[in-house]
C-alpha atoms as a PDB file:
ATOM      1  CA  MET A   1       0.000   0.000   0.000  1.00  0.00           C
ATOM      2  CA  SER A   2       1.273   3.479  -0.908  1.00  0.00           C
ATOM      3  CA  THR A   3       0.491   6.282   1.539  1.00  0.00           C
ATOM      4  CA  ASP A   4       1.322   8.845  -1.127  1.00  0.00           C
ATOM      5  CA  ALA A   5      -1.172   7.319  -3.552  1.00  0.00           C
ATOM      6  CA  THR A   6      -3.959   7.216  -0.958  1.00  0.00           C
ATOM      7  CA  ARG A   7      -3.339  10.818   0.077  1.00  0.00           C
ATOM      8  CA  TRP A   8      -3.266  11.870  -3.568  1.00  0.00           C
ATOM      9  CA  ALA A   9      -6.552  10.091  -4.275  1.00  0.00           C
ATOM     10  CA  TRP A  10      -8.266  11.932  -1.419  1.00  0.00           C
ATOM     11  CA  LEU A  11      -7.227  15.282  -2.879  1.00  0.00           C
ATOM     12  CA  GLN A  12      -8.711  14.633  -6.314  1.00  0.00           C
ATOM     13  CA  GLY A  13     -11.870  16.561  -7.208  1.00  0.00           C
ATOM     14  CA  GLY A  14     -14.156  17.089 -10.158  1.00  0.00           C
ATOM     15  CA  ILE A  15     -15.119  13.416 -10.451  1.00  0.00           C
ATOM     16  CA  LYS A  16     -18.245  11.489  -9.525  1.00  0.00           C
ATOM     17  CA  PRO A  17     -18.504   9.962  -6.047  1.00  0.00           C
ATOM     18  CA  THR A  18     -18.600   6.460  -7.507  1.00  0.00           C
ATOM     19  CA  ALA A  19     -15.416   7.140  -9.495  1.00  0.00           C
ATOM     20  CA  LYS A  20     -13.733   8.519  -6.353  1.00  0.00           C
ATOM     21  CA  LEU A  21     -14.558   5.338  -4.451  1.00  0.00           C
ATOM     22  CA  VAL A  22     -12.949   3.257  -7.190  1.00  0.00           C
ATOM     23  CA  LEU A  23      -9.927   5.575  -7.271  1.00  0.00           C
ATOM     24  CA  LEU A  24      -9.457   5.272  -3.481  1.00  0.00           C
ATOM     25  CA  SER A  25      -9.648   1.496  -3.711  1.00  0.00           C
ATOM     26  CA  MET A  26      -7.068   1.487  -6.518  1.00  0.00           C
ATOM     27  CA  ALA A  27      -4.754   3.830  -4.602  1.00  0.00           C
ATOM     28  CA  ASP A  28      -5.048   1.701  -1.474  1.00  0.00           C
ATOM     29  CA  ARG A  29      -3.664  -1.254  -3.456  1.00  0.00           C
ATOM     30  CA  ALA A  30      -0.949   0.655  -5.346  1.00  0.00           C
ATOM     31  CA  GLY A  31       2.726  -0.193  -4.830  1.00  0.00           C
ATOM     32  CA  GLU A  32       5.874   1.915  -4.812  1.00  0.00           C
ATOM     33  CA  THR A  33       5.617   2.397  -8.586  1.00  0.00           C
ATOM     34  CA  HIS A  34       1.966   3.490  -8.121  1.00  0.00           C
ATOM     35  CA  GLU A  35       0.770   0.498 -10.108  1.00  0.00           C
ATOM     36  CA  CYS A  36      -2.171  -1.669  -9.061  1.00  0.00           C
ATOM     37  CA  PHE A  37      -4.128  -4.556 -10.518  1.00  0.00           C
ATOM     38  CA  PRO A  38      -7.208  -5.370  -8.380  1.00  0.00           C
ATOM     39  CA  SER A  39      -9.853  -7.488 -10.068  1.00  0.00           C
ATOM     40  CA  ILE A  40     -13.302  -6.134 -10.867  1.00  0.00           C
ATOM     41  CA  LYS A  41     -14.777  -8.388  -8.193  1.00  0.00           C
ATOM     42  CA  ARG A  42     -12.350  -6.988  -5.600  1.00  0.00           C
ATOM     43  CA  LEU A  43     -13.302  -3.415  -6.519  1.00  0.00           C
ATOM     44  CA  CYS A  44     -16.998  -4.304  -6.236  1.00  0.00           C
ATOM     45  CA  ASP A  45     -16.425  -5.732  -2.759  1.00  0.00           C
ATOM     46  CA  ASP A  46     -14.436  -2.671  -1.645  1.00  0.00           C
ATOM     47  CA  THR A  47     -16.889  -0.047  -2.923  1.00  0.00           C
ATOM     48  CA  ASN A  48     -20.243  -1.917  -2.706  1.00  0.00           C
ATOM     49  CA  LEU A  49     -20.848  -0.920  -6.331  1.00  0.00           C
ATOM     50  CA  ASP A  50     -22.171  -3.187  -9.063  1.00  0.00           C
ATOM     51  CA  ARG A  51     -19.909  -4.501 -11.843  1.00  0.00           C
ATOM     52  CA  LYS A  52     -21.188  -2.128 -14.546  1.00  0.00           C
ATOM     53  CA  THR A  53     -20.673   0.929 -12.346  1.00  0.00           C
ATOM     54  CA  VAL A  54     -17.096  -0.117 -11.502  1.00  0.00           C
ATOM     55  CA  ILE A  55     -16.189  -0.662 -15.165  1.00  0.00           C
ATOM     56  CA  ARG A  56     -17.760   2.674 -16.124  1.00  0.00           C
ATOM     57  CA  SER A  57     -15.846   4.450 -13.310  1.00  0.00           C
ATOM     58  CA  ILE A  58     -12.504   2.939 -14.427  1.00  0.00           C
ATOM     59  CA  LYS A  59     -13.101   4.179 -17.962  1.00  0.00           C
ATOM     60  CA  ALA A  60     -13.966   7.672 -16.643  1.00  0.00           C
ATOM     61  CA  LEU A  61     -10.764   7.779 -14.543  1.00  0.00           C
ATOM     62  CA  CYS A  62      -8.693   6.796 -17.553  1.00  0.00           C
ATOM     63  CA  ASP A  63     -10.420   9.381 -19.756  1.00  0.00           C
ATOM     64  CA  CYS A  64      -9.764  12.219 -17.292  1.00  0.00           C
ATOM     65  CA  GLY A  65      -6.079  11.261 -17.042  1.00  0.00           C
ATOM     66  CA  LEU A  66      -5.930  10.096 -13.405  1.00  0.00           C
ATOM     67  CA  MET A  67      -4.729   6.613 -14.377  1.00  0.00           C
ATOM     68  CA  THR A  68      -3.750   4.653 -17.460  1.00  0.00           C
ATOM     69  CA  ASP A  69      -3.525   1.087 -18.725  1.00  0.00           C
ATOM     70  CA  THR A  70       0.109  -0.121 -18.669  1.00  0.00           C
ATOM     71  CA  ARG A  71      -0.653  -2.934 -21.153  1.00  0.00           C
ATOM     72  CA  LYS A  72       0.547  -5.385 -18.488  1.00  0.00           C
ATOM     73  CA  ARG A  73      -1.557  -8.293 -17.344  1.00  0.00           C
ATOM     74  CA  LYS A  74      -1.505 -10.196 -14.067  1.00  0.00           C
ATOM     75  CA  GLY A  75      -3.389 -12.983 -12.374  1.00  0.00           C
ATOM     76  CA  LEU A  76      -3.624 -16.724 -12.897  1.00  0.00           C
ATOM     77  CA  THR A  77      -5.314 -16.272 -16.246  1.00  0.00           C
ATOM     78  CA  GLY A  78      -3.177 -13.293 -17.297  1.00  0.00           C
ATOM     79  CA  GLN A  79      -6.247 -11.154 -17.918  1.00  0.00           C
ATOM     80  CA  VAL A  80      -6.185  -8.722 -14.967  1.00  0.00           C
ATOM     81  CA  ILE A  81      -5.247  -5.241 -16.237  1.00  0.00           C
ATOM     82  CA  VAL A  82      -2.395  -3.389 -14.493  1.00  0.00           C
ATOM     83  CA  TYR A  83      -3.159   0.332 -14.048  1.00  0.00           C
ATOM     84  CA  ARG A  84      -0.762   3.150 -13.115  1.00  0.00           C
ATOM     85  CA  LEU A  85      -1.907   6.207 -11.172  1.00  0.00           C
ATOM     86  CA  ILE A  86      -0.821   9.434 -12.863  1.00  0.00           C
ATOM     87  CA  GLY A  87       0.236  12.493 -10.892  1.00  0.00           C
ATOM     88  CA  VAL A  88       1.138  10.906  -7.553  1.00  0.00           C
ATOM     89  CA  ALA A  89       3.912  13.000  -5.959  1.00  0.00           C
ATOM     90  CA  SER A  90       6.269  11.187  -3.591  1.00  0.00           C
ATOM     91  CA  ARG A  91       7.195  12.907  -0.323  1.00  0.00           C
ATOM     92  CA  SER A  92      10.320  12.520   1.683  1.00  0.00           C
ATOM     93  CA  GLN A  93      10.156  11.243   5.271  1.00  0.00           C
ATOM     94  CA  ASN A  94      11.003  14.656   6.731  1.00  0.00           C
ATOM     95  CA  ASP A  95       8.365  16.405   4.679  1.00  0.00           C
ATOM     96  CA  GLU A  96       5.795  13.837   5.769  1.00  0.00           C
ATOM     97  CA  PHE A  97       6.702  14.307   9.440  1.00  0.00           C
ATOM     98  CA  GLU A  98       6.494  18.075   9.144  1.00  0.00           C
ATOM     99  CA  ASP A  99       3.132  17.926   7.370  1.00  0.00           C
ATOM    100  CA  ILE A 100       1.550  15.545   9.878  1.00  0.00           C
ATOM    101  CA  ASN A 101       2.606  17.714  12.827  1.00  0.00           C
ATOM    102  CA  ASN A 102       1.274  20.851  11.247  1.00  0.00           C
ATOM    103  CA  THR A 103      -1.075  22.661  13.639  1.00  0.00           C
ATOM    104  CA  LYS A 104      -3.535  23.155  10.767  1.00  0.00           C
ATOM    105  CA  ASN A 105      -4.269  19.410  10.846  1.00  0.00           C
ATOM    106  CA  GLY A 106      -5.344  19.607  14.485  1.00  0.00           C
ATOM    107  CA  THR A 107      -2.544  17.400  15.840  1.00  0.00           C
ATOM    108  CA  VAL A 108      -0.404  18.090  18.898  1.00  0.00           C
ATOM    109  CA  PRO A 109       2.687  20.300  18.591  1.00  0.00           C
ATOM    110  CA  LYS A 110       6.171  18.834  18.235  1.00  0.00           C
ATOM    111  CA  MET A 111       8.015  17.705  21.359  1.00  0.00           C
ATOM    112  CA  GLU A 112      10.622  20.416  20.896  1.00  0.00           C
ATOM    113  CA  GLN A 113       8.025  22.898  22.101  1.00  0.00           C
ATOM    114  CA  PHE A 114       7.876  21.021  25.454  1.00  0.00           C
ATOM    115  CA  PRO A 115      11.549  20.641  26.427  1.00  0.00           C
ATOM    116  CA  PHE A 116      10.795  20.034  30.134  1.00  0.00           C
ATOM    117  CA  SER A 117       8.199  17.302  29.586  1.00  0.00           C
ATOM    118  CA  ASP A 118       8.890  13.573  29.407  1.00  0.00           C
ATOM    119  CA  GLU A 119       5.471  12.747  27.950  1.00  0.00           C
ATOM    120  CA  THR A 120       4.740  12.624  24.242  1.00  0.00           C
ATOM    121  CA  VAL A 121       1.286  14.201  24.541  1.00  0.00           C
ATOM    122  CA  PRO A 122       0.834  16.992  27.108  1.00  0.00           C
ATOM    123  CA  LEU A 123      -1.860  16.452  29.741  1.00  0.00           C
ATOM    124  CA  PHE A 124      -4.367  19.176  30.491  1.00  0.00           C
ATOM    125  CA  PRO A 125      -6.542  19.259  33.629  1.00  0.00           C
ATOM    126  CA  ASP A 126     -10.319  19.273  33.326  1.00  0.00           C
ATOM    127  CA  ASN A 127     -10.595  22.962  34.267  1.00  0.00           C
ATOM    128  CA  SER A 128      -7.792  24.038  31.949  1.00  0.00           C
ATOM    129  CA  PRO A 129      -8.605  27.030  29.699  1.00  0.00           C
ATOM    130  CA  VAL A 130      -6.766  25.323  26.836  1.00  0.00           C
ATOM    131  CA  PHE A 131      -9.545  22.816  26.197  1.00  0.00           C
ATOM    132  CA  PRO A 132     -12.588  24.175  28.088  1.00  0.00           C
ATOM    133  CA  LEU A 133     -15.801  22.148  28.171  1.00  0.00           C
ATOM    134  CA  LYS A 134     -18.528  23.316  25.878  1.00  0.00           C
ATOM    135  CA  GLU A 135     -21.802  24.468  27.369  1.00  0.00           C
ATOM    136  CA  SER A 136     -23.594  21.546  25.725  1.00  0.00           C
ATOM    137  CA  GLN A 137     -21.174  19.098  27.362  1.00  0.00           C
ATOM    138  CA  LYS A 138     -21.789  20.704  30.755  1.00  0.00           C
ATOM    139  CA  ARG A 139     -25.537  20.439  30.285  1.00  0.00           C
ATOM    140  CA  ASP A 140     -25.266  16.799  29.246  1.00  0.00           C
ATOM    141  CA  THR A 141     -23.166  15.978  32.313  1.00  0.00           C
ATOM    142  CA  GLU A 142     -25.538  17.779  34.651  1.00  0.00           C
ATOM    143  CA  SER A 143     -28.592  16.129  33.087  1.00  0.00           C
ATOM    144  CA  ASN A 144     -27.015  12.686  33.438  1.00  0.00           C
ATOM    145  CA  ASN A 145     -26.257  13.314  37.105  1.00  0.00           C
ATOM    146  CA  ASN A 146     -29.791  14.553  37.702  1.00  0.00           C
ATOM    147  CA  LEU A 147     -31.196  11.538  35.883  1.00  0.00           C
ATOM    148  CA  THR A 148     -29.210   9.165  38.096  1.00  0.00           C
ATOM    149  CA  LYS A 149     -30.431  10.931  41.230  1.00  0.00           C
ATOM    150  CA  ASN A 150     -34.029  10.855  40.014  1.00  0.00           C
ATOM    151  CA  GLN A 151     -33.818   7.157  39.212  1.00  0.00           C
ATOM    152  CA  SER A 152     -32.496   6.400  42.699  1.00  0.00           C
ATOM    153  CA  LYS A 153     -35.217   8.556  44.233  1.00  0.00           C
ATOM    154  CA  ASN A 154     -37.945   6.820  42.225  1.00  0.00           C
ATOM    155  CA  LEU A 155     -36.600   3.417  43.248  1.00  0.00           C
ATOM    156  CA  SER A 156     -36.703   4.416  46.911  1.00  0.00           C
ATOM    157  CA  ASN A 157     -40.221   5.768  46.498  1.00  0.00           C
ATOM    158  CA  ASN A 158     -41.385   2.512  44.913  1.00  0.00           C
ATOM    159  CA  LYS A 159     -39.990   0.483  47.799  1.00  0.00           C
ATOM    160  CA  ALA A 160     -41.644   2.816  50.283  1.00  0.00           C
ATOM    161  CA  ALA A 161     -44.942   2.509  48.402  1.00  0.00           C
ATOM    162  CA  LYS A 162     -44.852  -1.294  48.606  1.00  0.00           C
ATOM    163  CA  THR A 163     -44.192  -1.148  52.335  1.00  0.00           C
ATOM    164  CA  SER A 164     -46.979   1.396  52.904  1.00  0.00           C
ATOM    165  CA  ASP A 165     -49.538  -0.859  51.155  1.00  0.00           C
ATOM    166  CA  ILE A 166     -48.864  -3.675  53.618  1.00  0.00           C
ATOM    167  CA  ASP A 167     -48.939  -1.270  56.543  1.00  0.00           C
ATOM    168  CA  LEU A 168     -52.186   0.233  55.250  1.00  0.00           C
ATOM    169  CA  LEU A 169     -53.906  -3.151  55.326  1.00  0.00           C
ATOM    170  CA  LYS A 170     -52.352  -4.126  58.659  1.00  0.00           C
ATOM    171  CA  LYS A 171     -53.760  -0.993  60.275  1.00  0.00           C
ATOM    172  CA  SER A 172     -57.238  -2.222  59.296  1.00  0.00           C
ATOM    173  CA  GLY A 173     -56.663  -5.511  61.146  1.00  0.00           C
ATOM    174  CA  ILE A 174     -55.747  -7.623  58.108  1.00  0.00           C
ATOM    175  CA  ASP A 175     -52.981 -10.197  58.653  1.00  0.00           C
ATOM    176  CA  GLU A 176     -49.868 -10.140  56.494  1.00  0.00           C
ATOM    177  CA  GLN A 177     -50.626 -13.298  54.464  1.00  0.00           C
ATOM    178  CA  LEU A 178     -54.101 -12.102  53.491  1.00  0.00           C
ATOM    179  CA  ALA A 179     -52.737  -8.638  52.722  1.00  0.00           C
ATOM    180  CA  ASN A 180     -50.042 -10.041  50.407  1.00  0.00           C
ATOM    181  CA  ASP A 181     -52.560 -12.224  48.549  1.00  0.00           C
ATOM    182  CA  PHE A 182     -54.962  -9.309  48.110  1.00  0.00           C
ATOM    183  CA  LEU A 183     -52.186  -7.033  46.821  1.00  0.00           C
ATOM    184  CA  LYS A 184     -51.130  -9.671  44.276  1.00  0.00           C
ATOM    185  CA  ILE A 185     -54.661  -9.732  42.869  1.00  0.00           C
ATOM    186  CA  ARG A 186     -54.790  -5.933  42.582  1.00  0.00           C
ATOM    187  CA  LYS A 187     -51.355  -5.862  40.975  1.00  0.00           C
ATOM    188  CA  ALA A 188     -52.415  -8.452  38.385  1.00  0.00           C
ATOM    189  CA  LYS A 189     -55.446  -6.299  37.572  1.00  0.00           C
ATOM    190  CA  LYS A 190     -53.274  -3.152  37.456  1.00  0.00           C
ATOM    191  CA  ALA A 191     -55.188  -1.553  40.327  1.00  0.00           C
ATOM    192  CA  PRO A 192     -52.794  -0.110  42.921  1.00  0.00           C
ATOM    193  CA  LEU A 193     -54.139   0.090  46.451  1.00  0.00           C
ATOM    194  CA  THR A 194     -54.779   3.610  47.688  1.00  0.00           C
ATOM    195  CA  GLN A 195     -56.276   5.103  50.817  1.00  0.00           C
ATOM    196  CA  THR A 196     -59.422   6.038  48.878  1.00  0.00           C
ATOM    197  CA  ALA A 197     -59.827   2.510  47.504  1.00  0.00           C
ATOM    198  CA  LEU A 198     -59.462   0.999  50.975  1.00  0.00           C
ATOM    199  CA  LYS A 199     -62.044   3.402  52.408  1.00  0.00           C
ATOM    200  CA  GLY A 200     -64.429   2.380  49.625  1.00  0.00           C
ATOM    201  CA  ILE A 201     -64.028  -1.307  50.557  1.00  0.00           C
ATOM    202  CA  GLU A 202     -64.626  -0.460  54.227  1.00  0.00           C
ATOM    203  CA  ARG A 203     -67.765   1.528  53.362  1.00  0.00           C
ATOM    204  CA  GLU A 204     -69.238  -1.306  51.298  1.00  0.00           C
ATOM    205  CA  ALA A 205     -68.386  -3.789  54.064  1.00  0.00           C
ATOM    206  CA  ASN A 206     -70.327  -1.682  56.559  1.00  0.00           C
ATOM    207  CA  VAL A 207     -73.310  -1.617  54.183  1.00  0.00           C
ATOM    208  CA  ALA A 208     -73.163  -5.416  53.908  1.00  0.00           C
ATOM    209  CA  GLY A 209     -72.880  -5.727  57.691  1.00  0.00           C
ATOM    210  CA  ILE A 210     -69.470  -7.422  57.713  1.00  0.00           C
ATOM    211  CA  SER A 211     -65.992  -6.343  58.756  1.00  0.00           C
ATOM    212  CA  ILE A 212     -63.366  -5.080  56.356  1.00  0.00           C
ATOM    213  CA  VAL A 213     -61.262  -8.168  57.109  1.00  0.00           C
ATOM    214  CA  GLU A 214     -64.109 -10.415  55.944  1.00  0.00           C
ATOM    215  CA  ALA A 215     -64.630  -8.232  52.865  1.00  0.00           C
ATOM    216  CA  VAL A 216     -60.946  -8.502  51.897  1.00  0.00           C
ATOM    217  CA  ARG A 217     -61.049 -12.254  52.472  1.00  0.00           C
ATOM    218  CA  ILE A 218     -64.065 -12.595  50.175  1.00  0.00           C
ATOM    219  CA  CYS A 219     -62.292 -10.501  47.509  1.00  0.00           C
ATOM    220  CA  THR A 220     -59.203 -12.705  47.744  1.00  0.00           C
ATOM    221  CA  GLU A 221     -61.169 -15.953  47.533  1.00  0.00           C
ATOM    222  CA  ARG A 222     -63.211 -14.767  44.527  1.00  0.00           C
ATOM    223  CA  ASN A 223     -60.362 -12.937  42.769  1.00  0.00           C
ATOM    224  CA  TRP A 224     -62.025  -9.519  43.146  1.00  0.00           C
ATOM    225  CA  GLN A 225     -60.043  -6.316  43.255  1.00  0.00           C
ATOM    226  CA  THR A 226     -62.697  -4.575  45.381  1.00  0.00           C
ATOM    227  CA  PHE A 227     -65.920  -5.258  47.264  1.00  0.00           C
ATOM    228  CA  ASN A 228     -69.494  -4.149  46.596  1.00  0.00           C
ATOM    229  CA  ALA A 229     -72.387  -4.858  48.919  1.00  0.00           C
ATOM    230  CA  LYS A 230     -74.787  -5.228  45.951  1.00  0.00           C
ATOM    231  CA  TRP A 231     -72.831  -8.140  44.518  1.00  0.00           C
ATOM    232  CA  ASP A 232     -73.758 -11.766  45.232  1.00  0.00           C
ATOM    233  CA  TRP A 233     -71.111 -12.258  47.892  1.00  0.00           C
ATOM    234  CA  GLN A 234     -73.048 -14.421  50.403  1.00  0.00           C
ATOM    235  CA  PRO A 235     -72.417 -18.182  50.145  1.00  0.00           C
ATOM    236  CA  LYS A 236     -75.486 -20.278  49.295  1.00  0.00           C
ATOM    237  CA  GLN A 237     -76.310 -23.237  51.567  1.00  0.00           C
ATOM    238  CA  SER A 238     -77.255 -26.638  50.113  1.00  0.00           C
ATOM    239  CA  GLY A 239     -80.643 -26.711  51.918  1.00  0.00           C
ATOM    240  CA  GLN A 240     -81.563 -23.365  50.423  1.00  0.00           C
ATOM    241  CA  VAL A 241     -80.773 -24.649  46.940  1.00  0.00           C
ATOM    242  CA  ARG A 242     -82.970 -27.721  47.349  1.00  0.00           C
ATOM    243  CA  ALA A 243     -85.816 -25.635  48.773  1.00  0.00           C
ATOM    244  CA  ALA A 244     -85.623 -23.332  45.782  1.00  0.00           C
ATOM    245  CA  LYS A 245     -86.095 -26.265  43.420  1.00  0.00           C
ATOM    246  CA  GLN A 246     -89.294 -27.403  45.174  1.00  0.00           C
ATOM    247  CA  THR A 247     -91.666 -24.877  43.635  1.00  0.00           C
ATOM    248  CA  MET A 248     -94.935 -26.912  43.926  1.00  0.00           C
ATOM    249  CA  PRO A 249     -96.163 -28.609  47.191  1.00  0.00           C
ATOM    250  CA  ARG A 250     -96.860 -32.327  47.163  1.00  0.00           C
ATOM    251  CA  PRO A 251    -100.605 -33.330  47.624  1.00  0.00           C
ATOM    252  CA  ASP A 252    -101.748 -34.952  50.885  1.00  0.00           C
ATOM    253  CA  TYR A 253    -103.851 -38.162  50.446  1.00  0.00           C
ATOM    254  CA  SER A 254    -104.199 -39.069  54.162  1.00  0.00           C
ATOM    255  CA  ASP A 255    -107.888 -38.039  54.348  1.00  0.00           C
ATOM    256  CA  TYR A 256    -108.922 -39.463  50.940  1.00  0.00           C
ATOM    257  CA  THR A 257    -111.983 -41.777  51.023  1.00  0.00           C
ATOM    258  CA  PRO A 258    -112.832 -43.821  47.910  1.00  0.00           C
ATOM    259  CA  LEU A 259    -116.414 -43.495  46.551  1.00  0.00           C
ATOM    260  CA  ASP A 260    -116.912 -47.259  46.201  1.00  0.00           C
ATOM    261  CA  GLU A 261    -116.661 -49.176  49.479  1.00  0.00           C
ATOM    262  CA  ASN A 262    -115.844 -52.428  47.607  1.00  0.00           C
ATOM    263  CA  PHE A 263    -112.857 -50.757  45.790  1.00  0.00           C
ATOM    264  CA  ASN A 264    -110.276 -52.443  47.961  1.00  0.00           C
ATOM    265  CA  ASN A 265    -111.884 -55.939  47.399  1.00  0.00           C
ATOM    266  CA  MET A 266    -111.829 -55.778  43.566  1.00  0.00           C
ATOM    267  CA  PRO A 267    -109.430 -58.176  41.724  1.00  0.00           C
ATOM    268  CA  ALA A 268    -106.319 -56.731  40.182  1.00  0.00           C
ATOM    269  CA  VAL A 269    -105.249 -57.365  36.576  1.00  0.00           C
ATOM    270  CA  ASN A 270    -101.641 -56.621  35.696  1.00  0.00           C
ATOM    271  CA  GLY A 271    -101.326 -54.734  38.974  1.00  0.00           C
ATOM    272  CA  GLU A 272    -104.384 -52.521  38.256  1.00  0.00           C
ATOM    273  CA  ARG A 273    -107.884 -52.853  39.734  1.00  0.00           C
ATOM    274  CA  ILE A 274    -110.845 -53.224  37.386  1.00  0.00           C
ATOM    275  CA  SER A 275    -113.769 -50.948  38.036  1.00  0.00           C
END
C-alpha cells in the first residue's frame, strides 16, 4: 500500500462519487511504482458498487487522465489489467513528518516545544482554559447526574410505596398473608391500592354488615379487586338450593276416602284394579 497514492486520491476533485470510491480502492492497493491490478470483483467488494458501475468508473478515470492502462496483465489467467496512477507526488520522510505535525491538521505540537516534559502528549486538567468544556457538554453531564439521582429517588419511592400498602392493610386488622394475597390480585389487575380505595371497601363492608377483614377475604377468595355490597357475595347453603327447586307442594292423600266401598276388594289385573 502506498500512503502517497492514498493521500493523492483523497485530494482529487471534479469526479463522480462512484469514481472517487474506485480511485481510493485502486490507490489503497498501489505499490511503490503506483501500479495496481485489483480485479473487478475486488473493486466491487471494496466499494459496494455493481460490476457495470465499476467498469464505467474505471473508464472515466482513464479518460480524465488520473490513471492509465500499462498494457501489463496479471493474475492466474493473465487477464487482470495493471493500471498506473498518474500524478502521484512522492514525499520525503522529513516532509511527511512536518506535514503531519502541522497545527492546521489539528494534531499536537512537536516535542521540541515542550523541552521540560517527558510525555509525548501533554496532559491538560479538566478545568484548563486550553480545552474548556462546551456548554452543551456541561448540560449533558448535569442532566445525566440529575437523571441518576431521580432514578435512585424513584426506586426508593417505589420500595416505600410497597411497604406502605402492607402497613395500610395491617392498620385495618388484616394479617400479612391475606394482605399479600390481596395485593397480588390488585397488581395483576393493574389496580394499585390507595387510601381512597381501601375506604371504599370499608364503606361497602359496613353496608353489607361485615368487617373489612371479611370483605378482603371474600375478595381474595373470589379474585375480586374490590368489594361491593350489591354483589352476590353471600355463600349459598345446600338446603336453600334444594328448597328453591321445590316450587310446587306435594298433595296430601291421608284423608282421601274412595267413593266405592268395595274398591279395595276388587281383583287386580296386571297390577291394576278393574272398576
